[in-house]
């Protein structure tokens, strides 16, 4: 007998462009497949003040970070309540599933911190809350990232591999005896930081990058960190991305168009290494899937993989869908991370 769940997923990613919300239904039928639908979705852009607070959170003293944890929990709860009221949705969610916002991610030390206090979120929204999705995986010796493989495997079957081009690019794919997922390199964090040099929030469709040319010295510098030679499982922190990729790229003496072009080539080089030996259909999602030049670089670097994108709503709100699904998995008593 099938059972349906309705969960509102909340996702605040490293790109700092806003809070994504997706109200989703999931039905686990007798065929064991998951049938799902995004009923309503939207993004609440962060104000300049909130974007700055979240960007600087890792530098705060402990007491101020604890206060921000609570304040952001209130913010998330109020945003969820406003979203549901505005949509006048026919479904009342069984729960909210919130990722929070990552401040620290250090799997080598056994911790990852996402702020957005669950109890204060629940009080503000007036609904049950499921949160802190990374800790159980890390307690079991995992990386706590990426979170996408469980949704990739169960919600989007029949692909050879899955690529999320978010603030950080990560991949997942089946392998003999299991499933592998890991972070590859920076994506939108790097590209958006470079686009800001030209006064743009992002490089629309990758047009500025397409107008530039490759800077071999910068490409070598971006590809140099030892992380890229490590074997998975592995994951990246926002602080690592800033120190190893953003700051060197921003400081490099070249035209912005050339740096964007080179950054896209860097992403393609690293994904070519990460997905080497695979062939078939590649599902590409995330904000970077709107960057036509980046996708062209990927198609050139990965000729054995057919790059495909889902329809726009699924693409833009896949991470919020993922959080909703992980909430459903919790409600069903099933593991959220893949081990």
C-alpha atoms as a PDB file:
ATOM      1  CA  UNK A   1       0.000   0.000   0.000  1.00  0.00           C
ATOM      2  CA  UNK A   2       1.392   3.397  -0.952  1.00  0.00           C
ATOM      3  CA  UNK A   3       1.949   6.156   1.575  1.00  0.00           C
ATOM      4  CA  UNK A   4       2.246   9.887   0.802  1.00  0.00           C
ATOM      5  CA  UNK A   5       4.193  12.564   2.639  1.00  0.00           C
ATOM      6  CA  UNK A   6       4.310  16.317   2.167  1.00  0.00           C
ATOM      7  CA  UNK A   7       7.407  18.209   3.317  1.00  0.00           C
ATOM      8  CA  UNK A   8       8.668  21.747   2.809  1.00  0.00           C
ATOM      9  CA  UNK A   9      12.396  21.736   2.018  1.00  0.00           C
ATOM     10  CA  UNK A  10      14.586  24.751   2.853  1.00  0.00           C
ATOM     11  CA  UNK A  11      18.044  25.250   1.368  1.00  0.00           C
ATOM     12  CA  UNK A  12      20.563  28.044   1.936  1.00  0.00           C
ATOM     13  CA  UNK A  13      23.586  27.398  -0.250  1.00  0.00           C
ATOM     14  CA  UNK A  14      27.107  28.711  -0.425  1.00  0.00           C
ATOM     15  CA  UNK A  15      26.287  31.071  -3.303  1.00  0.00           C
ATOM     16  CA  UNK A  16      24.433  33.320  -0.810  1.00  0.00           C
ATOM     17  CA  UNK A  17      21.801  34.296  -3.369  1.00  0.00           C
ATOM     18  CA  UNK A  18      18.872  33.467  -1.122  1.00  0.00           C
ATOM     19  CA  UNK A  19      16.761  30.849   0.612  1.00  0.00           C
ATOM     20  CA  UNK A  20      15.184  28.241  -1.677  1.00  0.00           C
ATOM     21  CA  UNK A  21      11.888  26.694  -0.559  1.00  0.00           C
ATOM     22  CA  UNK A  22      10.103  23.759  -2.197  1.00  0.00           C
ATOM     23  CA  UNK A  23       6.829  22.211  -1.026  1.00  0.00           C
ATOM     24  CA  UNK A  24       6.927  18.624  -2.242  1.00  0.00           C
ATOM     25  CA  UNK A  25       4.864  15.451  -2.079  1.00  0.00           C
ATOM     26  CA  UNK A  26       6.374  11.973  -2.116  1.00  0.00           C
ATOM     27  CA  UNK A  27       4.636   8.640  -2.523  1.00  0.00           C
ATOM     28  CA  UNK A  28       6.363   5.318  -2.055  1.00  0.00           C
ATOM     29  CA  UNK A  29       4.297   2.895  -4.106  1.00  0.00           C
ATOM     30  CA  UNK A  30       4.028  -0.860  -4.216  1.00  0.00           C
ATOM     31  CA  UNK A  31       6.538  -0.796  -7.079  1.00  0.00           C
ATOM     32  CA  UNK A  32       9.096   0.507  -4.559  1.00  0.00           C
ATOM     33  CA  UNK A  33       9.727   3.561  -6.726  1.00  0.00           C
ATOM     34  CA  UNK A  34       9.354   7.040  -5.339  1.00  0.00           C
ATOM     35  CA  UNK A  35       6.815   9.244  -7.089  1.00  0.00           C
ATOM     36  CA  UNK A  36       7.205  12.925  -6.326  1.00  0.00           C
ATOM     37  CA  UNK A  37       6.053  16.407  -7.277  1.00  0.00           C
ATOM     38  CA  UNK A  38       7.150  19.952  -6.498  1.00  0.00           C
ATOM     39  CA  UNK A  39       3.838  21.632  -5.675  1.00  0.00           C
ATOM     40  CA  UNK A  40       5.163  25.126  -5.015  1.00  0.00           C
ATOM     41  CA  UNK A  41       8.659  26.607  -5.056  1.00  0.00           C
ATOM     42  CA  UNK A  42      10.285  29.980  -4.655  1.00  0.00           C
ATOM     43  CA  UNK A  43      13.397  31.845  -3.571  1.00  0.00           C
ATOM     44  CA  UNK A  44      13.537  34.483  -0.856  1.00  0.00           C
ATOM     45  CA  UNK A  45      16.571  36.621  -1.757  1.00  0.00           C
ATOM     46  CA  UNK A  46      18.836  37.531   1.138  1.00  0.00           C
ATOM     47  CA  UNK A  47      19.082  41.201   1.944  1.00  0.00           C
ATOM     48  CA  UNK A  48      22.559  42.686   1.684  1.00  0.00           C
ATOM     49  CA  UNK A  49      22.731  42.653   5.489  1.00  0.00           C
ATOM     50  CA  UNK A  50      21.837  38.954   5.754  1.00  0.00           C
ATOM     51  CA  UNK A  51      24.210  37.979   2.958  1.00  0.00           C
ATOM     52  CA  UNK A  52      27.021  39.806   4.768  1.00  0.00           C
ATOM     53  CA  UNK A  53      26.179  38.196   8.123  1.00  0.00           C
ATOM     54  CA  UNK A  54      26.248  34.724   6.618  1.00  0.00           C
ATOM     55  CA  UNK A  55      29.415  35.391   4.625  1.00  0.00           C
ATOM     56  CA  UNK A  56      31.233  36.586   7.743  1.00  0.00           C
ATOM     57  CA  UNK A  57      29.786  33.981  10.141  1.00  0.00           C
ATOM     58  CA  UNK A  58      32.943  31.878  10.270  1.00  0.00           C
ATOM     59  CA  UNK A  59      34.894  34.858  11.638  1.00  0.00           C
ATOM     60  CA  UNK A  60      32.510  35.621  14.510  1.00  0.00           C
ATOM     61  CA  UNK A  61      33.370  35.060  18.192  1.00  0.00           C
ATOM     62  CA  UNK A  62      31.600  32.054  19.688  1.00  0.00           C
ATOM     63  CA  UNK A  63      28.884  34.031  21.512  1.00  0.00           C
ATOM     64  CA  UNK A  64      28.012  36.062  18.424  1.00  0.00           C
ATOM     65  CA  UNK A  65      27.890  32.929  16.275  1.00  0.00           C
ATOM     66  CA  UNK A  66      25.534  31.304  18.807  1.00  0.00           C
ATOM     67  CA  UNK A  67      23.295  34.385  18.606  1.00  0.00           C
ATOM     68  CA  UNK A  68      23.337  34.285  14.780  1.00  0.00           C
ATOM     69  CA  UNK A  69      22.417  30.588  14.936  1.00  0.00           C
ATOM     70  CA  UNK A  70      19.252  31.513  16.823  1.00  0.00           C
ATOM     71  CA  UNK A  71      18.455  34.593  14.732  1.00  0.00           C
ATOM     72  CA  UNK A  72      18.805  32.666  11.494  1.00  0.00           C
ATOM     73  CA  UNK A  73      16.508  29.977  12.908  1.00  0.00           C
ATOM     74  CA  UNK A  74      13.874  32.697  13.442  1.00  0.00           C
ATOM     75  CA  UNK A  75      14.511  33.975   9.922  1.00  0.00           C
ATOM     76  CA  UNK A  76      14.016  30.522   8.397  1.00  0.00           C
ATOM     77  CA  UNK A  77      10.823  29.936  10.349  1.00  0.00           C
ATOM     78  CA  UNK A  78       9.338  33.291   9.378  1.00  0.00           C
ATOM     79  CA  UNK A  79      10.309  32.704   5.733  1.00  0.00           C
ATOM     80  CA  UNK A  80       8.672  29.268   5.744  1.00  0.00           C
ATOM     81  CA  UNK A  81       5.484  30.622   7.319  1.00  0.00           C
ATOM     82  CA  UNK A  82       5.316  33.527   4.858  1.00  0.00           C
ATOM     83  CA  UNK A  83       5.913  31.164   1.923  1.00  0.00           C
ATOM     84  CA  UNK A  84       3.105  28.819   2.955  1.00  0.00           C
ATOM     85  CA  UNK A  85       0.705  31.679   3.654  1.00  0.00           C
ATOM     86  CA  UNK A  86       1.447  33.359   0.320  1.00  0.00           C
ATOM     87  CA  UNK A  87       1.077  30.167  -1.693  1.00  0.00           C
ATOM     88  CA  UNK A  88      -2.177  29.188   0.060  1.00  0.00           C
ATOM     89  CA  UNK A  89      -1.187  25.637  -0.706  1.00  0.00           C
ATOM     90  CA  UNK A  90      -3.795  22.892  -0.513  1.00  0.00           C
ATOM     91  CA  UNK A  91      -1.310  20.691   1.348  1.00  0.00           C
ATOM     92  CA  UNK A  92      -0.199  21.266   4.922  1.00  0.00           C
ATOM     93  CA  UNK A  93       3.338  19.888   5.256  1.00  0.00           C
ATOM     94  CA  UNK A  94       3.998  17.071   7.684  1.00  0.00           C
ATOM     95  CA  UNK A  95       7.270  18.811   8.548  1.00  0.00           C
ATOM     96  CA  UNK A  96       9.894  21.298   7.461  1.00  0.00           C
ATOM     97  CA  UNK A  97      13.285  19.918   6.424  1.00  0.00           C
ATOM     98  CA  UNK A  98      16.003  22.535   6.759  1.00  0.00           C
ATOM     99  CA  UNK A  99      19.625  22.357   5.708  1.00  0.00           C
ATOM    100  CA  UNK A 100      20.552  25.590   7.484  1.00  0.00           C
ATOM    101  CA  UNK A 101      23.599  27.511   6.308  1.00  0.00           C
ATOM    102  CA  UNK A 102      27.067  25.961   6.450  1.00  0.00           C
ATOM    103  CA  UNK A 103      29.589  27.942   8.487  1.00  0.00           C
ATOM    104  CA  UNK A 104      32.254  25.305   9.118  1.00  0.00           C
ATOM    105  CA  UNK A 105      32.894  22.000   7.373  1.00  0.00           C
ATOM    106  CA  UNK A 106      35.918  20.053   8.571  1.00  0.00           C
ATOM    107  CA  UNK A 107      35.358  16.312   8.106  1.00  0.00           C
ATOM    108  CA  UNK A 108      39.027  15.621   8.830  1.00  0.00           C
ATOM    109  CA  UNK A 109      38.311  16.923  12.348  1.00  0.00           C
ATOM    110  CA  UNK A 110      34.891  15.285  12.583  1.00  0.00           C
ATOM    111  CA  UNK A 111      32.594  18.301  12.501  1.00  0.00           C
ATOM    112  CA  UNK A 112      30.363  20.351  10.231  1.00  0.00           C
ATOM    113  CA  UNK A 113      28.255  23.287  11.440  1.00  0.00           C
ATOM    114  CA  UNK A 114      25.066  24.517   9.802  1.00  0.00           C
ATOM    115  CA  UNK A 115      23.353  27.433  11.542  1.00  0.00           C
ATOM    116  CA  UNK A 116      19.601  28.037  11.672  1.00  0.00           C
ATOM    117  CA  UNK A 117      18.490  26.690  15.060  1.00  0.00           C
ATOM    118  CA  UNK A 118      15.847  23.990  14.578  1.00  0.00           C
ATOM    119  CA  UNK A 119      13.878  24.688  17.762  1.00  0.00           C
ATOM    120  CA  UNK A 120      13.567  28.397  17.001  1.00  0.00           C
ATOM    121  CA  UNK A 121      12.686  27.585  13.393  1.00  0.00           C
ATOM    122  CA  UNK A 122       9.906  25.242  14.566  1.00  0.00           C
ATOM    123  CA  UNK A 123       8.562  27.844  16.997  1.00  0.00           C
ATOM    124  CA  UNK A 124       8.507  30.562  14.334  1.00  0.00           C
ATOM    125  CA  UNK A 125       6.951  28.365  11.645  1.00  0.00           C
ATOM    126  CA  UNK A 126       4.539  26.491  13.902  1.00  0.00           C
ATOM    127  CA  UNK A 127       5.477  23.138  12.346  1.00  0.00           C
ATOM    128  CA  UNK A 128       7.748  20.175  13.179  1.00  0.00           C
ATOM    129  CA  UNK A 129      11.304  20.558  11.926  1.00  0.00           C
ATOM    130  CA  UNK A 130      13.903  18.042  10.759  1.00  0.00           C
ATOM    131  CA  UNK A 131      17.442  19.390  10.532  1.00  0.00           C
ATOM    132  CA  UNK A 132      21.152  18.677  11.149  1.00  0.00           C
ATOM    133  CA  UNK A 133      21.384  16.229   8.255  1.00  0.00           C
ATOM    134  CA  UNK A 134      25.166  15.964   8.066  1.00  0.00           C
ATOM    135  CA  UNK A 135      26.051  14.910  11.609  1.00  0.00           C
ATOM    136  CA  UNK A 136      24.921  11.281  11.529  1.00  0.00           C
ATOM    137  CA  UNK A 137      27.038  10.571   8.452  1.00  0.00           C
ATOM    138  CA  UNK A 138      30.077  12.248  10.012  1.00  0.00           C
ATOM    139  CA  UNK A 139      29.594  10.390  13.288  1.00  0.00           C
ATOM    140  CA  UNK A 140      29.738   7.168  11.272  1.00  0.00           C
ATOM    141  CA  UNK A 141      33.023   8.234   9.687  1.00  0.00           C
ATOM    142  CA  UNK A 142      31.647   9.858   6.525  1.00  0.00           C
ATOM    143  CA  UNK A 143      32.321  13.275   5.034  1.00  0.00           C
ATOM    144  CA  UNK A 144      28.822  14.665   5.633  1.00  0.00           C
ATOM    145  CA  UNK A 145      28.922  15.924   2.033  1.00  0.00           C
ATOM    146  CA  UNK A 146      27.719  15.909  -0.603  1.00  0.00           C
ATOM    147  CA  UNK A 147      24.138  15.192   0.439  1.00  0.00           C
ATOM    148  CA  UNK A 148      22.811  14.721  -3.096  1.00  0.00           C
ATOM    149  CA  UNK A 149      23.549  11.005  -3.775  1.00  0.00           C
ATOM    150  CA  UNK A 150      20.524   9.638  -1.906  1.00  0.00           C
ATOM    151  CA  UNK A 151      18.157  11.808  -3.983  1.00  0.00           C
ATOM    152  CA  UNK A 152      20.086  11.149  -7.175  1.00  0.00           C
ATOM    153  CA  UNK A 153      19.761   7.406  -6.693  1.00  0.00           C
ATOM    154  CA  UNK A 154      16.095   7.268  -5.698  1.00  0.00           C
ATOM    155  CA  UNK A 155      14.448  10.264  -7.396  1.00  0.00           C
ATOM    156  CA  UNK A 156      16.351  10.411 -10.699  1.00  0.00           C
ATOM    157  CA  UNK A 157      17.055   6.832 -11.827  1.00  0.00           C
ATOM    158  CA  UNK A 158      18.526   5.761 -15.168  1.00  0.00           C
ATOM    159  CA  UNK A 159      21.488   8.140 -15.408  1.00  0.00           C
ATOM    160  CA  UNK A 160      25.130   7.112 -15.580  1.00  0.00           C
ATOM    161  CA  UNK A 161      26.191  10.016 -13.353  1.00  0.00           C
ATOM    162  CA  UNK A 162      24.869  13.123 -11.630  1.00  0.00           C
ATOM    163  CA  UNK A 163      26.480  16.555 -11.457  1.00  0.00           C
ATOM    164  CA  UNK A 164      25.381  19.426  -9.231  1.00  0.00           C
ATOM    165  CA  UNK A 165      26.802  22.797 -10.278  1.00  0.00           C
ATOM    166  CA  UNK A 166      26.060  24.771  -7.124  1.00  0.00           C
ATOM    167  CA  UNK A 167      28.388  26.952  -5.102  1.00  0.00           C
ATOM    168  CA  UNK A 168      30.545  23.816  -5.105  1.00  0.00           C
ATOM    169  CA  UNK A 169      30.443  21.252  -7.916  1.00  0.00           C
ATOM    170  CA  UNK A 170      29.836  17.708  -6.730  1.00  0.00           C
ATOM    171  CA  UNK A 171      29.210  14.412  -8.482  1.00  0.00           C
ATOM    172  CA  UNK A 172      27.677  11.058  -7.693  1.00  0.00           C
ATOM    173  CA  UNK A 173      27.415   7.824  -9.640  1.00  0.00           C
ATOM    174  CA  UNK A 174      26.937   4.092  -9.102  1.00  0.00           C
ATOM    175  CA  UNK A 175      29.997   1.906  -8.873  1.00  0.00           C
ATOM    176  CA  UNK A 176      30.549  -1.788  -8.309  1.00  0.00           C
ATOM    177  CA  UNK A 177      29.021  -2.726  -4.978  1.00  0.00           C
ATOM    178  CA  UNK A 178      27.714   0.712  -4.065  1.00  0.00           C
ATOM    179  CA  UNK A 179      27.549   4.408  -4.797  1.00  0.00           C
ATOM    180  CA  UNK A 180      30.151   7.160  -4.813  1.00  0.00           C
ATOM    181  CA  UNK A 181      29.624  10.877  -4.237  1.00  0.00           C
ATOM    182  CA  UNK A 182      32.157  13.649  -3.591  1.00  0.00           C
ATOM    183  CA  UNK A 183      32.925  17.338  -3.993  1.00  0.00           C
ATOM    184  CA  UNK A 184      35.053  18.216  -7.009  1.00  0.00           C
ATOM    185  CA  UNK A 185      35.823  21.952  -6.978  1.00  0.00           C
ATOM    186  CA  UNK A 186      34.276  25.384  -6.589  1.00  0.00           C
ATOM    187  CA  UNK A 187      31.706  26.390  -9.167  1.00  0.00           C
ATOM    188  CA  UNK A 188      29.279  29.284  -8.653  1.00  0.00           C
ATOM    189  CA  UNK A 189      31.215  30.605  -5.654  1.00  0.00           C
ATOM    190  CA  UNK A 190      34.210  31.132  -7.928  1.00  0.00           C
ATOM    191  CA  UNK A 191      32.320  32.292 -11.023  1.00  0.00           C
ATOM    192  CA  UNK A 192      30.096  34.724  -9.120  1.00  0.00           C
ATOM    193  CA  UNK A 193      33.051  36.220  -7.260  1.00  0.00           C
ATOM    194  CA  UNK A 194      34.749  36.903 -10.587  1.00  0.00           C
ATOM    195  CA  UNK A 195      31.549  38.261 -12.146  1.00  0.00           C
ATOM    196  CA  UNK A 196      31.334  40.729  -9.245  1.00  0.00           C
ATOM    197  CA  UNK A 197      34.560  42.284 -10.549  1.00  0.00           C
ATOM    198  CA  UNK A 198      32.504  43.411 -13.560  1.00  0.00           C
ATOM    199  CA  UNK A 199      29.665  44.642 -11.357  1.00  0.00           C
ATOM    200  CA  UNK A 200      27.424  41.639 -12.075  1.00  0.00           C
ATOM    201  CA  UNK A 201      25.840  39.213  -9.560  1.00  0.00           C
ATOM    202  CA  UNK A 202      26.625  36.394 -11.996  1.00  0.00           C
ATOM    203  CA  UNK A 203      27.753  35.878 -15.583  1.00  0.00           C
ATOM    204  CA  UNK A 204      24.426  35.333 -17.345  1.00  0.00           C
ATOM    205  CA  UNK A 205      24.587  32.294 -19.637  1.00  0.00           C
ATOM    206  CA  UNK A 206      28.404  32.524 -19.362  1.00  0.00           C
ATOM    207  CA  UNK A 207      28.519  35.242 -22.013  1.00  0.00           C
ATOM    208  CA  UNK A 208      31.423  37.143 -20.458  1.00  0.00           C
ATOM    209  CA  UNK A 209      33.388  33.919 -19.977  1.00  0.00           C
ATOM    210  CA  UNK A 210      32.746  32.968 -23.612  1.00  0.00           C
ATOM    211  CA  UNK A 211      34.189  36.308 -24.732  1.00  0.00           C
ATOM    212  CA  UNK A 212      37.456  35.720 -22.860  1.00  0.00           C
ATOM    213  CA  UNK A 213      40.478  33.577 -23.526  1.00  0.00           C
ATOM    214  CA  UNK A 214      42.366  30.946 -21.566  1.00  0.00           C
ATOM    215  CA  UNK A 215      45.095  32.103 -19.182  1.00  0.00           C
ATOM    216  CA  UNK A 216      47.352  29.016 -18.827  1.00  0.00           C
ATOM    217  CA  UNK A 217      49.207  30.373 -15.778  1.00  0.00           C
ATOM    218  CA  UNK A 218      45.937  30.925 -13.898  1.00  0.00           C
ATOM    219  CA  UNK A 219      44.613  27.514 -14.945  1.00  0.00           C
ATOM    220  CA  UNK A 220      47.751  25.883 -13.552  1.00  0.00           C
ATOM    221  CA  UNK A 221      47.335  27.821 -10.307  1.00  0.00           C
ATOM    222  CA  UNK A 222      43.682  26.810  -9.911  1.00  0.00           C
ATOM    223  CA  UNK A 223      44.507  23.154 -10.608  1.00  0.00           C
ATOM    224  CA  UNK A 224      47.475  23.068  -8.212  1.00  0.00           C
ATOM    225  CA  UNK A 225      45.964  22.378  -4.735  1.00  0.00           C
ATOM    226  CA  UNK A 226      46.724  18.842  -3.491  1.00  0.00           C
ATOM    227  CA  UNK A 227      43.002  18.261  -2.827  1.00  0.00           C
ATOM    228  CA  UNK A 228      42.507  17.591  -6.525  1.00  0.00           C
ATOM    229  CA  UNK A 229      44.861  14.638  -6.401  1.00  0.00           C
ATOM    230  CA  UNK A 230      43.163  13.009  -3.415  1.00  0.00           C
ATOM    231  CA  UNK A 231      40.949   9.978  -3.835  1.00  0.00           C
ATOM    232  CA  UNK A 232      37.282  10.151  -2.769  1.00  0.00           C
ATOM    233  CA  UNK A 233      35.432  10.288  -0.504  1.00  0.00           C
ATOM    234  CA  UNK A 234      36.300  13.949  -0.059  1.00  0.00           C
ATOM    235  CA  UNK A 235      34.498  17.235   0.456  1.00  0.00           C
ATOM    236  CA  UNK A 236      35.230  20.959   0.467  1.00  0.00           C
ATOM    237  CA  UNK A 237      34.577  23.755   2.928  1.00  0.00           C
ATOM    238  CA  UNK A 238      33.664  27.299   1.947  1.00  0.00           C
ATOM    239  CA  UNK A 239      36.746  28.568   3.768  1.00  0.00           C
ATOM    240  CA  UNK A 240      38.996  26.276   1.680  1.00  0.00           C
ATOM    241  CA  UNK A 241      37.337  27.521  -1.507  1.00  0.00           C
ATOM    242  CA  UNK A 242      37.921  31.147  -0.537  1.00  0.00           C
ATOM    243  CA  UNK A 243      41.568  30.606   0.402  1.00  0.00           C
ATOM    244  CA  UNK A 244      42.649  28.247  -2.386  1.00  0.00           C
ATOM    245  CA  UNK A 245      40.553  29.375  -5.355  1.00  0.00           C
ATOM    246  CA  UNK A 246      38.661  32.644  -4.872  1.00  0.00           C
ATOM    247  CA  UNK A 247      41.462  34.752  -3.465  1.00  0.00           C
ATOM    248  CA  UNK A 248      44.106  33.595  -5.990  1.00  0.00           C
ATOM    249  CA  UNK A 249      41.681  34.105  -8.899  1.00  0.00           C
ATOM    250  CA  UNK A 250      40.615  37.553  -7.734  1.00  0.00           C
ATOM    251  CA  UNK A 251      44.234  38.609  -7.190  1.00  0.00           C
ATOM    252  CA  UNK A 252      45.453  37.320 -10.554  1.00  0.00           C
ATOM    253  CA  UNK A 253      46.381  40.178 -12.948  1.00  0.00           C
ATOM    254  CA  UNK A 254      44.145  39.429 -15.936  1.00  0.00           C
ATOM    255  CA  UNK A 255      40.927  40.705 -17.498  1.00  0.00           C
ATOM    256  CA  UNK A 256      37.754  39.505 -15.804  1.00  0.00           C
ATOM    257  CA  UNK A 257      36.491  37.852 -18.997  1.00  0.00           C
ATOM    258  CA  UNK A 258      39.724  35.876 -19.289  1.00  0.00           C
ATOM    259  CA  UNK A 259      39.577  34.814 -15.631  1.00  0.00           C
ATOM    260  CA  UNK A 260      35.968  33.658 -16.014  1.00  0.00           C
ATOM    261  CA  UNK A 261      36.872  31.732 -19.160  1.00  0.00           C
ATOM    262  CA  UNK A 262      39.774  30.078 -17.353  1.00  0.00           C
ATOM    263  CA  UNK A 263      37.670  29.296 -14.265  1.00  0.00           C
ATOM    264  CA  UNK A 264      35.109  27.479 -16.441  1.00  0.00           C
ATOM    265  CA  UNK A 265      37.936  25.496 -18.041  1.00  0.00           C
ATOM    266  CA  UNK A 266      39.230  24.640 -14.564  1.00  0.00           C
ATOM    267  CA  UNK A 267      35.824  23.260 -13.544  1.00  0.00           C
ATOM    268  CA  UNK A 268      35.720  21.207 -16.750  1.00  0.00           C
ATOM    269  CA  UNK A 269      39.236  19.841 -16.218  1.00  0.00           C
ATOM    270  CA  UNK A 270      38.435  18.678 -12.705  1.00  0.00           C
ATOM    271  CA  UNK A 271      35.117  17.130 -13.747  1.00  0.00           C
ATOM    272  CA  UNK A 272      36.851  15.317 -16.593  1.00  0.00           C
ATOM    273  CA  UNK A 273      39.137  13.745 -13.997  1.00  0.00           C
ATOM    274  CA  UNK A 274      36.278  13.001 -11.584  1.00  0.00           C
ATOM    275  CA  UNK A 275      34.073  11.291 -14.198  1.00  0.00           C
ATOM    276  CA  UNK A 276      36.813   9.569 -16.189  1.00  0.00           C
ATOM    277  CA  UNK A 277      35.770   6.211 -17.588  1.00  0.00           C
ATOM    278  CA  UNK A 278      32.007   6.832 -17.390  1.00  0.00           C
ATOM    279  CA  UNK A 279      29.687   6.895 -20.383  1.00  0.00           C
ATOM    280  CA  UNK A 280      25.955   7.456 -20.863  1.00  0.00           C
ATOM    281  CA  UNK A 281      23.585  10.157 -19.642  1.00  0.00           C
ATOM    282  CA  UNK A 282      24.828  12.859 -17.250  1.00  0.00           C
ATOM    283  CA  UNK A 283      22.156  14.763 -15.295  1.00  0.00           C
ATOM    284  CA  UNK A 284      23.350  18.323 -14.660  1.00  0.00           C
ATOM    285  CA  UNK A 285      21.525  20.541 -12.157  1.00  0.00           C
ATOM    286  CA  UNK A 286      22.153  23.656 -10.097  1.00  0.00           C
ATOM    287  CA  UNK A 287      22.661  27.317 -10.905  1.00  0.00           C
ATOM    288  CA  UNK A 288      25.671  26.518 -13.060  1.00  0.00           C
ATOM    289  CA  UNK A 289      23.408  24.578 -15.431  1.00  0.00           C
ATOM    290  CA  UNK A 290      22.250  27.982 -16.751  1.00  0.00           C
ATOM    291  CA  UNK A 291      25.831  28.809 -17.808  1.00  0.00           C
ATOM    292  CA  UNK A 292      25.893  27.844 -21.475  1.00  0.00           C
ATOM    293  CA  UNK A 293      29.641  28.351 -21.817  1.00  0.00           C
ATOM    294  CA  UNK A 294      30.364  26.130 -18.820  1.00  0.00           C
ATOM    295  CA  UNK A 295      28.133  23.398 -20.258  1.00  0.00           C
ATOM    296  CA  UNK A 296      29.942  23.699 -23.589  1.00  0.00           C
ATOM    297  CA  UNK A 297      33.250  23.231 -21.757  1.00  0.00           C
ATOM    298  CA  UNK A 298      31.836  20.142 -20.045  1.00  0.00           C
ATOM    299  CA  UNK A 299      30.554  18.651 -23.291  1.00  0.00           C
ATOM    300  CA  UNK A 300      34.002  19.129 -24.812  1.00  0.00           C
ATOM    301  CA  UNK A 301      35.769  17.607 -21.800  1.00  0.00           C
ATOM    302  CA  UNK A 302      33.328  14.691 -21.384  1.00  0.00           C
ATOM    303  CA  UNK A 303      32.529  13.399 -24.883  1.00  0.00           C
ATOM    304  CA  UNK A 304      31.396   9.998 -23.581  1.00  0.00           C
ATOM    305  CA  UNK A 305      28.667  11.584 -21.450  1.00  0.00           C
ATOM    306  CA  UNK A 306      25.464  13.118 -22.817  1.00  0.00           C
ATOM    307  CA  UNK A 307      24.796  16.295 -20.816  1.00  0.00           C
ATOM    308  CA  UNK A 308      21.107  16.637 -19.898  1.00  0.00           C
ATOM    309  CA  UNK A 309      19.216  19.175 -17.769  1.00  0.00           C
ATOM    310  CA  UNK A 310      15.810  18.708 -16.122  1.00  0.00           C
ATOM    311  CA  UNK A 311      13.021  21.242 -16.560  1.00  0.00           C
ATOM    312  CA  UNK A 312      13.658  24.625 -14.963  1.00  0.00           C
ATOM    313  CA  UNK A 313      11.735  24.260 -11.681  1.00  0.00           C
ATOM    314  CA  UNK A 314      13.389  20.940 -10.876  1.00  0.00           C
ATOM    315  CA  UNK A 315      16.796  22.307 -11.829  1.00  0.00           C
ATOM    316  CA  UNK A 316      16.514  25.484  -9.780  1.00  0.00           C
ATOM    317  CA  UNK A 317      15.002  23.852  -6.698  1.00  0.00           C
ATOM    318  CA  UNK A 318      16.642  20.433  -6.726  1.00  0.00           C
ATOM    319  CA  UNK A 319      18.563  21.094  -3.504  1.00  0.00           C
ATOM    320  CA  UNK A 320      15.379  22.169  -1.679  1.00  0.00           C
ATOM    321  CA  UNK A 321      13.683  19.062  -3.132  1.00  0.00           C
ATOM    322  CA  UNK A 322      16.605  17.044  -1.778  1.00  0.00           C
ATOM    323  CA  UNK A 323      16.123  18.467   1.710  1.00  0.00           C
ATOM    324  CA  UNK A 324      12.403  17.687   1.585  1.00  0.00           C
ATOM    325  CA  UNK A 325      13.192  14.129   0.507  1.00  0.00           C
ATOM    326  CA  UNK A 326      15.753  13.678   3.269  1.00  0.00           C
ATOM    327  CA  UNK A 327      13.057  14.820   5.686  1.00  0.00           C
ATOM    328  CA  UNK A 328      10.738  12.168   4.284  1.00  0.00           C
ATOM    329  CA  UNK A 329      13.439   9.547   4.688  1.00  0.00           C
ATOM    330  CA  UNK A 330      13.753  10.537   8.341  1.00  0.00           C
ATOM    331  CA  UNK A 331       9.987  10.320   8.846  1.00  0.00           C
ATOM    332  CA  UNK A 332      10.027   6.874   7.233  1.00  0.00           C
ATOM    333  CA  UNK A 333      12.889   5.703   9.445  1.00  0.00           C
ATOM    334  CA  UNK A 334      15.196   5.186   6.445  1.00  0.00           C
ATOM    335  CA  UNK A 335      18.854   6.277   6.235  1.00  0.00           C
ATOM    336  CA  UNK A 336      19.361   9.702   4.635  1.00  0.00           C
ATOM    337  CA  UNK A 337      23.076   9.433   3.785  1.00  0.00           C
ATOM    338  CA  UNK A 338      24.513   6.648   1.688  1.00  0.00           C
ATOM    339  CA  UNK A 339      27.316   4.708   3.296  1.00  0.00           C
END
